[in-house]
Amino acid sequence: MNLYSTNNTALNVSFKEAVFNSMPQDKGLYMPVAINPLPQEFIANLDQYTLPEIAFTVAKHMLAGAIPDADLKALIDDAINFEAPVVELEENVYVLELFHGPSLAFKDFGARFMSRVMGYFLEAGEKQLDVLVATSGDTGGAVALGFLGVPNTRVTILYPKGKVSDIQELQLTTNGQNIRALEVDGTFDDCQALVKQAFTDAQLNEAFRLTSANSINIARLIPQTFYYFNAYAQLLKQGKSKVVFAVPSGNFGNIGAGLLAWKMGLPVQQFIAATNANDTVPEFLKTGVYQPKPTVATLSNAMDVSSPSNWVRIADLFKNDTAELKKLITGYSFNDEDTVKAIVKIFGAYKYVACPHTAIAWLALTDWLDKQDDDVTGVFLSTAHPCKFPDVFPEQIGKAVEVPAQVKTLQEKPRLATPLKADFNEFKSYLLNN
């Protein structure tokens, strides 16, 4: 598998180099040189395969020999060892639950796969790998658990002060060992900017072997394609083949992975990008003007991103043909009041508790479906367990949330985080002196 930079199509690097370097020095993002369709026979018979089998077939196809088959299969069997069920709420409306992994968020798919890929490529005696990751909520927890105890690696997580939930913060700050957390006095975009600047700083790159665990890293994006194929497989078993996906969207890696799946032949009818008040992309899809605004803090904090990194990948996938892009992607945005009303409505109709991100995806999906004449099946992605957002729910709904055992264990551990200004020189100094 070879990759180029979205800023330089002439650049050609291996999968291993892209995984470890994370972001090209020209500040673009890596994209596969070729995204070939999977065999039609495989697509037509997806319902005959398990999630690990689908994951192996898709990864093998994309990586094209970058990891030998036997090693890749063992890696996937270890990383993707939990389910992602599609749950029917009503006829033609399904929720894809992606929170059954160890950190209770969809990012377990990417973080666990990537940590094992990096561990596989690391060779004895090599320089320690320093993983930098910015998080708006769930990425940090997934990365922390994915890399916890992995030899010869160290993870530094940057998160915005006061803008993650209590449980999310516990997942970031209670690990110890090779995981450390920085509490940044700013927004997620500030955290992300610090990480990106570190990758292009000559002194830091000379001192450390830096890589990223954000979705700017192609190894995070590839495994997120697995659950789109697997969701389609589950629906095929029920005789449903016309499918749309509504995706809660912040940094746009999740929907970017869905578009990679589509590019590989998954017959998705439409993608619905559902955002909160940080509506840069929905506004672009309406007006044709891409204009990030200051980030707004919302109840759906993992989506509080005004300048989504992965949008350049999506634009690149369509070769900047905005007309074609708009045919496949529809954008919606909702505010906090809409979000709470949706949570209440979902619980009232289905006795189902949706996290705020999930509720926004449901709003977008149901609005879109109401305008369609065709018999199409809608799937909205549930990206995090509702227990992560106890302050969002009205009392009656909050009582219905089952708190997993691993969360109760976290609450007994001490937190450890270093405060940091949203200032690159201070961040650089911390890295060089710690």
Protein backbone atom coordinates (compact mmCIF):
# COMPACT_ATOMS: atom_id res chain seq x y z
CA MET A 1 0.00 0.00 0.00
CA ASN A 2 1.40 3.37 -1.04
CA LEU A 3 0.08 6.77 -0.03
CA TYR A 4 0.41 10.39 -1.19
CA SER A 5 -0.15 13.72 0.53
CA THR A 6 -3.32 15.68 -0.16
CA ASN A 7 -0.92 18.60 -0.78
CA ASN A 8 1.40 16.66 -3.07
CA THR A 9 0.15 13.79 -5.23
CA ALA A 10 3.73 13.15 -6.38
CA LEU A 11 4.71 12.07 -2.86
CA ASN A 12 4.78 8.31 -2.46
CA VAL A 13 5.32 6.61 0.92
CA SER A 14 4.70 3.15 2.36
CA PHE A 15 1.95 2.31 4.82
CA LYS A 16 4.55 1.85 7.57
CA GLU A 17 6.01 5.31 6.95
CA ALA A 18 2.55 6.91 6.89
CA VAL A 19 1.62 5.22 10.17
CA PHE A 20 4.71 6.42 12.00
CA ASN A 21 5.01 9.87 10.41
CA SER A 22 1.26 10.43 10.67
CA MET A 23 1.23 13.73 8.78
CA PRO A 24 3.41 14.77 5.82
CA GLN A 25 5.78 17.68 6.37
CA ASP A 26 3.80 19.66 3.77
CA LYS A 27 0.89 19.63 6.28
CA GLY A 28 -1.39 17.59 4.05
CA LEU A 29 -2.88 14.22 5.02
CA TYR A 30 -2.02 10.81 3.65
CA MET A 31 -4.39 9.15 1.18
CA PRO A 32 -4.07 5.79 -0.61
CA VAL A 33 -2.64 6.02 -4.12
CA ALA A 34 -5.31 3.55 -5.22
CA ILE A 35 -8.68 2.69 -3.69
CA ASN A 36 -9.84 -0.30 -5.69
CA PRO A 37 -13.31 -1.87 -5.41
CA LEU A 38 -13.61 -5.09 -3.45
CA PRO A 39 -14.79 -8.16 -5.40
CA GLN A 40 -18.51 -7.89 -6.13
CA GLU A 41 -19.00 -11.46 -4.90
CA PHE A 42 -17.75 -10.42 -1.46
CA ILE A 43 -20.07 -7.39 -1.33
CA ALA A 44 -23.09 -9.41 -2.44
CA ASN A 45 -22.45 -12.07 0.19
CA LEU A 46 -21.43 -9.88 3.13
CA ASP A 47 -24.19 -11.40 5.25
CA GLN A 48 -22.24 -14.67 5.31
CA TYR A 49 -19.25 -13.19 7.12
CA THR A 50 -18.53 -12.28 10.75
CA LEU A 51 -17.15 -8.89 11.78
CA PRO A 52 -13.54 -10.19 12.17
CA GLU A 53 -13.79 -11.91 8.77
CA ILE A 54 -15.06 -8.73 7.15
CA ALA A 55 -12.36 -6.69 8.88
CA PHE A 56 -9.62 -9.03 7.67
CA THR A 57 -10.87 -9.03 4.06
CA VAL A 58 -11.21 -5.24 3.92
CA ALA A 59 -7.84 -4.61 5.61
CA LYS A 60 -6.07 -7.13 3.39
CA HIS A 61 -7.56 -5.45 0.33
CA MET A 62 -6.53 -1.95 1.43
CA LEU A 63 -3.09 -2.73 2.81
CA ALA A 64 -2.16 -4.77 -0.27
CA GLY A 65 0.61 -6.81 1.34
CA ALA A 66 1.94 -4.20 3.78
CA ILE A 67 1.44 -6.81 6.54
CA PRO A 68 1.55 -10.57 5.77
CA ASP A 69 -1.90 -12.20 5.83
CA ALA A 70 -1.31 -14.42 8.86
CA ASP A 71 0.06 -11.53 10.93
CA LEU A 72 -2.75 -9.23 9.80
CA LYS A 73 -5.39 -11.79 10.74
CA ALA A 74 -3.88 -12.27 14.21
CA LEU A 75 -3.69 -8.50 14.68
CA ILE A 76 -7.34 -8.02 13.72
CA ASP A 77 -8.58 -10.93 15.82
CA ASP A 78 -6.88 -9.31 18.81
CA ALA A 79 -8.02 -5.74 18.10
CA ILE A 80 -11.60 -6.29 16.90
CA ASN A 81 -12.83 -8.59 19.67
CA PHE A 82 -16.16 -6.92 20.45
CA GLU A 83 -19.46 -6.55 18.60
CA ALA A 84 -21.07 -3.64 16.74
CA PRO A 85 -24.75 -4.61 16.54
CA VAL A 86 -27.38 -2.94 14.40
CA VAL A 87 -30.52 -2.50 16.54
CA GLU A 88 -33.96 -1.93 15.02
CA LEU A 89 -35.97 0.91 16.57
CA GLU A 90 -38.76 0.87 14.03
CA GLU A 91 -39.27 -0.26 10.45
CA ASN A 92 -36.36 1.03 8.36
CA VAL A 93 -34.77 2.94 11.27
CA TYR A 94 -31.78 1.29 12.92
CA VAL A 95 -29.06 2.35 15.32
CA LEU A 96 -25.51 1.04 14.86
CA GLU A 97 -24.06 0.65 18.37
CA LEU A 98 -20.33 1.32 18.31
CA PHE A 99 -19.76 1.59 22.06
CA HIS A 100 -19.20 -2.05 23.02
CA GLY A 101 -15.39 -1.82 23.12
CA PRO A 102 -13.26 -1.20 26.22
CA SER A 103 -13.48 2.63 26.18
CA LEU A 104 -17.21 2.60 25.35
CA ALA A 105 -16.77 4.60 22.13
CA PHE A 106 -16.52 3.95 18.40
CA LYS A 107 -12.90 5.05 18.47
CA ASP A 108 -11.93 1.69 19.98
CA PHE A 109 -11.94 0.33 16.42
CA GLY A 110 -9.30 2.76 15.23
CA ALA A 111 -7.23 3.00 18.41
CA ARG A 112 -6.92 -0.74 19.03
CA PHE A 113 -6.08 -1.51 15.39
CA MET A 114 -3.56 1.32 15.15
CA SER A 115 -1.79 0.48 18.42
CA ARG A 116 -1.31 -3.10 17.28
CA VAL A 117 -0.11 -2.03 13.83
CA MET A 118 2.45 0.28 15.44
CA GLY A 119 3.49 -2.43 17.88
CA TYR A 120 3.90 -4.83 14.95
CA PHE A 121 6.10 -2.42 12.97
CA LEU A 122 8.26 -1.37 15.94
CA GLU A 123 11.56 -3.22 15.94
CA ALA A 124 13.76 -4.06 18.89
CA GLY A 125 16.23 -1.31 19.74
CA GLU A 126 14.34 1.40 17.85
CA LYS A 127 13.80 4.86 19.31
CA GLN A 128 10.79 5.19 21.62
CA LEU A 129 7.60 6.13 19.78
CA ASP A 130 5.92 9.26 21.12
CA VAL A 131 2.23 9.34 20.27
CA LEU A 132 0.57 12.76 20.42
CA VAL A 133 -3.21 12.93 20.44
CA ALA A 134 -5.73 15.75 20.75
CA THR A 135 -9.16 14.77 22.01
CA SER A 136 -12.56 16.42 22.22
CA GLY A 137 -13.79 13.58 24.41
CA ASP A 138 -13.62 9.97 23.27
CA THR A 139 -10.43 9.71 21.21
CA GLY A 140 -8.17 10.10 24.22
CA GLY A 141 -9.80 7.34 26.22
CA ALA A 142 -9.73 4.91 23.32
CA VAL A 143 -6.09 5.68 22.55
CA ALA A 144 -5.11 5.45 26.21
CA LEU A 145 -6.58 1.97 26.55
CA GLY A 146 -5.32 0.92 23.13
CA PHE A 147 -1.70 1.82 23.94
CA LEU A 148 -1.64 1.19 27.70
CA GLY A 149 1.38 -0.96 28.46
CA VAL A 150 2.53 -1.24 24.81
CA PRO A 151 6.34 -1.50 25.00
CA ASN A 152 8.55 1.32 23.71
CA THR A 153 5.64 3.74 23.31
CA ARG A 154 4.56 6.85 25.22
CA VAL A 155 1.23 8.62 24.72
CA THR A 156 0.61 12.32 25.42
CA ILE A 157 -3.08 13.29 25.37
CA LEU A 158 -4.17 16.93 25.05
CA TYR A 159 -7.75 17.71 26.07
CA PRO A 160 -9.65 21.02 26.49
CA LYS A 161 -10.14 22.07 30.10
CA GLY A 162 -13.75 21.85 31.25
CA LYS A 163 -14.98 20.62 27.87
CA VAL A 164 -15.01 16.84 28.34
CA SER A 165 -17.41 14.87 30.51
CA ASP A 166 -16.39 13.58 33.93
CA ILE A 167 -16.14 9.97 32.76
CA GLN A 168 -14.23 10.98 29.63
CA GLU A 169 -11.73 12.85 31.83
CA LEU A 170 -11.35 9.82 34.09
CA GLN A 171 -10.50 7.71 31.05
CA LEU A 172 -7.80 10.22 30.10
CA THR A 173 -6.21 10.88 33.47
CA THR A 174 -6.24 7.66 35.51
CA ASN A 175 -4.06 5.35 33.44
CA GLY A 176 -0.48 6.08 34.49
CA GLN A 177 2.29 3.87 33.05
CA ASN A 178 3.05 5.12 29.52
CA ILE A 179 0.01 7.42 29.30
CA ARG A 180 0.07 11.10 30.32
CA ALA A 181 -2.58 13.81 30.02
CA LEU A 182 -2.34 17.56 29.40
CA GLU A 183 -5.30 19.74 30.36
CA VAL A 184 -5.23 22.60 27.83
CA ASP A 185 -6.83 25.93 28.63
CA GLY A 186 -8.61 26.21 25.28
CA THR A 187 -10.75 24.33 22.75
CA PHE A 188 -10.26 21.07 20.91
CA ASP A 189 -9.14 23.06 17.87
CA ASP A 190 -6.39 24.58 20.05
CA CYS A 191 -5.31 21.08 21.13
CA GLN A 192 -5.32 19.86 17.56
CA ALA A 193 -3.32 22.87 16.37
CA LEU A 194 -0.62 22.20 19.02
CA VAL A 195 -0.32 18.59 17.89
CA LYS A 196 -0.14 19.50 14.21
CA GLN A 197 2.50 22.15 14.85
CA ALA A 198 4.61 19.66 16.80
CA PHE A 199 4.80 17.38 13.78
CA THR A 200 6.33 20.11 11.66
CA ASP A 201 8.75 21.42 14.32
CA ALA A 202 12.33 20.47 13.41
CA GLN A 203 13.68 20.45 16.97
CA LEU A 204 10.90 18.18 18.26
CA ASN A 205 11.27 15.81 15.33
CA GLU A 206 14.99 15.56 15.95
CA ALA A 207 14.48 14.88 19.66
CA PHE A 208 11.53 12.47 19.39
CA ARG A 209 10.00 9.92 17.11
CA LEU A 210 6.57 11.55 16.85
CA THR A 211 3.34 10.14 15.50
CA SER A 212 -0.35 10.84 15.94
CA ALA A 213 -3.27 8.76 17.15
CA ASN A 214 -5.88 11.21 15.86
CA SER A 215 -7.86 10.40 12.75
CA ILE A 216 -5.27 12.37 10.79
CA ASN A 217 -3.37 9.04 11.01
CA ILE A 218 -4.48 6.75 8.17
CA ALA A 219 -4.22 3.73 10.51
CA ARG A 220 -7.10 5.18 12.54
CA LEU A 221 -9.29 5.61 9.48
CA ILE A 222 -8.92 2.21 7.83
CA PRO A 223 -10.44 0.11 10.68
CA GLN A 224 -13.41 2.47 10.90
CA THR A 225 -14.49 1.18 7.49
CA PHE A 226 -15.04 -2.25 9.04
CA TYR A 227 -18.25 -1.41 10.86
CA TYR A 228 -19.89 0.11 7.79
CA PHE A 229 -19.42 -3.16 5.91
CA ASN A 230 -20.54 -5.11 8.98
CA ALA A 231 -23.68 -3.00 9.44
CA TYR A 232 -24.60 -3.57 5.82
CA ALA A 233 -24.01 -7.30 6.30
CA GLN A 234 -26.44 -7.38 9.24
CA LEU A 235 -29.09 -5.60 7.19
CA LEU A 236 -28.57 -7.91 4.21
CA LYS A 237 -29.56 -10.79 6.49
CA GLN A 238 -32.90 -9.02 6.88
CA GLY A 239 -33.31 -8.55 3.16
CA LYS A 240 -32.42 -4.85 3.18
CA SER A 241 -29.92 -3.60 0.61
CA LYS A 242 -30.77 0.11 0.10
CA VAL A 243 -29.05 1.78 3.02
CA VAL A 244 -28.21 5.33 4.14
CA PHE A 245 -25.95 6.23 7.06
CA ALA A 246 -26.36 9.24 9.35
CA VAL A 247 -23.05 9.99 11.05
CA PRO A 248 -22.40 12.26 14.06
CA SER A 249 -19.56 14.40 12.71
CA GLY A 250 -16.87 16.42 14.44
CA ASN A 251 -13.43 15.97 12.91
CA PHE A 252 -15.07 14.07 10.00
CA GLY A 253 -12.92 10.95 10.32
CA ASN A 254 -15.96 8.74 10.98
CA ILE A 255 -17.85 9.76 7.86
CA GLY A 256 -14.56 9.84 5.97
CA ALA A 257 -14.15 6.14 6.75
CA GLY A 258 -17.68 5.51 5.49
CA LEU A 259 -16.79 7.22 2.24
CA LEU A 260 -13.70 5.01 1.94
CA ALA A 261 -16.01 2.01 2.32
CA TRP A 262 -18.26 3.44 -0.40
CA LYS A 263 -15.24 3.96 -2.63
CA MET A 264 -14.36 0.28 -2.11
CA GLY A 265 -17.78 -0.74 -3.38
CA LEU A 266 -20.15 -0.64 -0.40
CA PRO A 267 -23.48 0.36 -2.03
CA VAL A 268 -24.49 3.22 0.27
CA GLN A 269 -27.30 5.39 -1.11
CA GLN A 270 -26.50 8.51 0.93
CA PHE A 271 -24.33 9.80 3.77
CA ILE A 272 -25.81 12.29 6.19
CA ALA A 273 -23.30 14.42 8.07
CA ALA A 274 -24.90 15.48 11.36
CA THR A 275 -23.16 18.20 13.37
CA ASN A 276 -23.95 20.34 16.38
CA ALA A 277 -23.70 24.16 16.35
CA ASN A 278 -20.19 23.81 14.88
CA ASP A 279 -21.65 23.66 11.40
CA THR A 280 -18.77 24.45 9.04
CA VAL A 281 -19.49 21.53 6.72
CA PRO A 282 -23.32 21.71 6.62
CA GLU A 283 -22.97 25.42 5.78
CA PHE A 284 -20.46 24.59 3.05
CA LEU A 285 -22.82 22.01 1.57
CA LYS A 286 -25.57 24.64 1.49
CA THR A 287 -23.61 27.67 0.33
CA GLY A 288 -20.41 26.38 -1.26
CA VAL A 289 -18.40 28.55 1.15
CA TYR A 290 -16.04 26.75 3.55
CA GLN A 291 -15.58 29.16 6.46
CA PRO A 292 -14.66 27.78 9.91
CA LYS A 293 -15.90 29.90 12.81
CA PRO A 294 -14.79 29.95 16.46
CA THR A 295 -15.60 26.65 18.17
CA VAL A 296 -18.78 26.58 20.25
CA ALA A 297 -19.01 24.38 23.36
CA THR A 298 -22.05 22.07 23.22
CA LEU A 299 -23.60 19.07 24.98
CA SER A 300 -22.22 16.86 22.20
CA ASN A 301 -18.67 17.79 23.12
CA ALA A 302 -16.85 15.19 21.00
CA MET A 303 -18.18 17.06 17.96
CA ASP A 304 -17.05 20.51 19.07
CA VAL A 305 -14.79 21.00 16.07
CA SER A 306 -15.06 24.01 13.78
CA SER A 307 -12.15 23.15 11.47
CA PRO A 308 -12.38 19.40 10.80
CA SER A 309 -9.03 17.95 9.71
CA ASN A 310 -10.47 15.11 7.66
CA TRP A 311 -12.49 17.34 5.36
CA VAL A 312 -9.42 17.68 3.12
CA ARG A 313 -9.45 13.89 2.69
CA ILE A 314 -13.11 13.92 1.73
CA ALA A 315 -12.57 16.75 -0.75
CA ASP A 316 -9.59 14.84 -2.15
CA LEU A 317 -11.69 11.68 -2.49
CA PHE A 318 -14.00 13.60 -4.81
CA LYS A 319 -11.07 15.41 -6.49
CA ASN A 320 -12.63 18.65 -5.25
CA ASP A 321 -15.72 18.09 -7.42
CA THR A 322 -18.19 19.81 -5.09
CA ALA A 323 -21.21 18.92 -7.24
CA GLU A 324 -20.48 15.19 -7.01
CA LEU A 325 -19.72 15.46 -3.31
CA LYS A 326 -23.07 17.13 -2.63
CA LYS A 327 -24.91 14.32 -4.40
CA LEU A 328 -23.67 11.80 -1.85
CA ILE A 329 -23.38 13.89 1.35
CA THR A 330 -26.20 15.85 2.96
CA GLY A 331 -25.44 18.10 5.93
CA TYR A 332 -27.50 18.91 9.03
CA SER A 333 -26.76 20.86 12.18
CA PHE A 334 -28.68 21.05 15.47
CA ASN A 335 -28.32 23.05 18.67
CA ASP A 336 -28.36 21.85 22.28
CA GLU A 337 -32.11 22.44 22.66
CA ASP A 338 -32.77 20.24 19.62
CA THR A 339 -30.43 17.61 21.07
CA VAL A 340 -32.18 17.34 24.45
CA LYS A 341 -35.61 17.23 22.80
CA ALA A 342 -34.39 14.39 20.58
CA ILE A 343 -33.03 12.43 23.57
CA VAL A 344 -36.43 12.73 25.27
CA LYS A 345 -38.30 11.79 22.08
CA ILE A 346 -36.13 8.74 21.41
CA PHE A 347 -36.59 7.51 24.97
CA GLY A 348 -40.33 8.12 24.86
CA ALA A 349 -40.79 6.31 21.56
CA TYR A 350 -38.38 3.40 21.96
CA LYS A 351 -37.27 3.33 25.64
CA TYR A 352 -33.78 3.75 24.18
CA VAL A 353 -31.19 6.06 25.73
CA ALA A 354 -29.12 7.92 23.12
CA CYS A 355 -26.03 9.95 23.92
CA PRO A 356 -26.16 13.55 22.63
CA HIS A 357 -24.05 12.75 19.54
CA THR A 358 -26.30 9.81 18.71
CA ALA A 359 -29.42 11.94 19.17
CA ILE A 360 -28.15 14.46 16.62
CA ALA A 361 -27.57 11.68 14.09
CA TRP A 362 -31.13 10.41 14.71
CA LEU A 363 -32.54 13.90 14.14
CA ALA A 364 -30.73 14.21 10.83
CA LEU A 365 -31.72 10.74 9.68
CA THR A 366 -35.41 11.04 10.50
CA ASP A 367 -35.62 14.46 8.87
CA TRP A 368 -33.96 13.12 5.73
CA LEU A 369 -36.13 9.99 5.62
CA ASP A 370 -39.32 12.05 5.95
CA LYS A 371 -38.47 13.70 2.62
CA GLN A 372 -37.91 10.45 0.69
CA ASP A 373 -40.31 8.48 -1.44
CA ASP A 374 -38.10 5.42 -1.88
CA ASP A 375 -38.12 2.42 0.44
CA VAL A 376 -34.72 2.92 2.03
CA THR A 377 -33.26 1.75 5.33
CA GLY A 378 -31.72 4.38 7.56
CA VAL A 379 -28.91 3.67 10.02
CA PHE A 380 -27.69 6.28 12.50
CA LEU A 381 -24.42 5.72 14.31
CA SER A 382 -24.30 5.61 18.10
CA THR A 383 -20.76 6.65 18.85
CA ALA A 384 -20.57 6.56 22.66
CA HIS A 385 -22.19 4.88 25.63
CA PRO A 386 -24.74 7.22 27.28
CA CYS A 387 -23.14 6.73 30.71
CA LYS A 388 -20.44 9.18 29.61
CA PHE A 389 -22.90 12.08 29.66
CA PRO A 390 -24.89 11.87 32.93
CA ASP A 391 -25.43 15.62 33.17
CA VAL A 392 -27.21 15.76 29.81
CA PHE A 393 -30.19 13.53 30.62
CA PRO A 394 -33.42 14.42 32.40
CA GLU A 395 -33.71 12.50 35.69
CA GLN A 396 -36.06 9.77 34.41
CA ILE A 397 -33.83 8.98 31.45
CA GLY A 398 -30.67 9.15 33.52
CA LYS A 399 -32.04 6.46 35.83
CA ALA A 400 -32.40 4.13 32.83
CA VAL A 401 -28.69 4.31 31.98
CA GLU A 402 -26.76 1.21 33.00
CA VAL A 403 -23.24 2.10 34.14
CA PRO A 404 -20.70 -0.55 33.02
CA ALA A 405 -18.39 -2.10 35.61
CA GLN A 406 -15.23 -0.57 34.08
CA VAL A 407 -16.61 2.92 34.70
CA LYS A 408 -17.24 2.20 38.36
CA THR A 409 -13.63 1.02 38.67
CA LEU A 410 -12.36 4.24 37.08
CA GLN A 411 -14.15 6.36 39.68
CA GLU A 412 -11.97 4.85 42.39
CA LYS A 413 -8.68 5.91 40.75
CA PRO A 414 -6.81 9.21 41.27
CA ARG A 415 -6.62 11.68 38.38
CA LEU A 416 -3.33 13.04 37.12
CA ALA A 417 -3.18 15.80 34.49
CA THR A 418 -0.74 18.64 33.80
CA PRO A 419 -2.31 22.08 33.12
CA LEU A 420 -1.14 23.77 29.93
CA LYS A 421 -1.87 27.05 28.14
CA ALA A 422 -2.91 26.89 24.49
CA ASP A 423 0.58 28.03 23.57
CA PHE A 424 2.95 26.07 21.34
CA ASN A 425 6.13 27.24 23.06
CA GLU A 426 4.80 26.01 26.40
CA PHE A 427 3.78 22.68 24.85
CA LYS A 428 7.17 22.32 23.17
CA SER A 429 8.94 23.09 26.43
CA TYR A 430 6.87 20.44 28.24
CA LEU A 431 7.79 17.81 25.67
CA LEU A 432 11.48 18.67 25.70
CA ASN A 433 11.69 18.67 29.50
CA ASN A 434 9.54 15.65 30.27
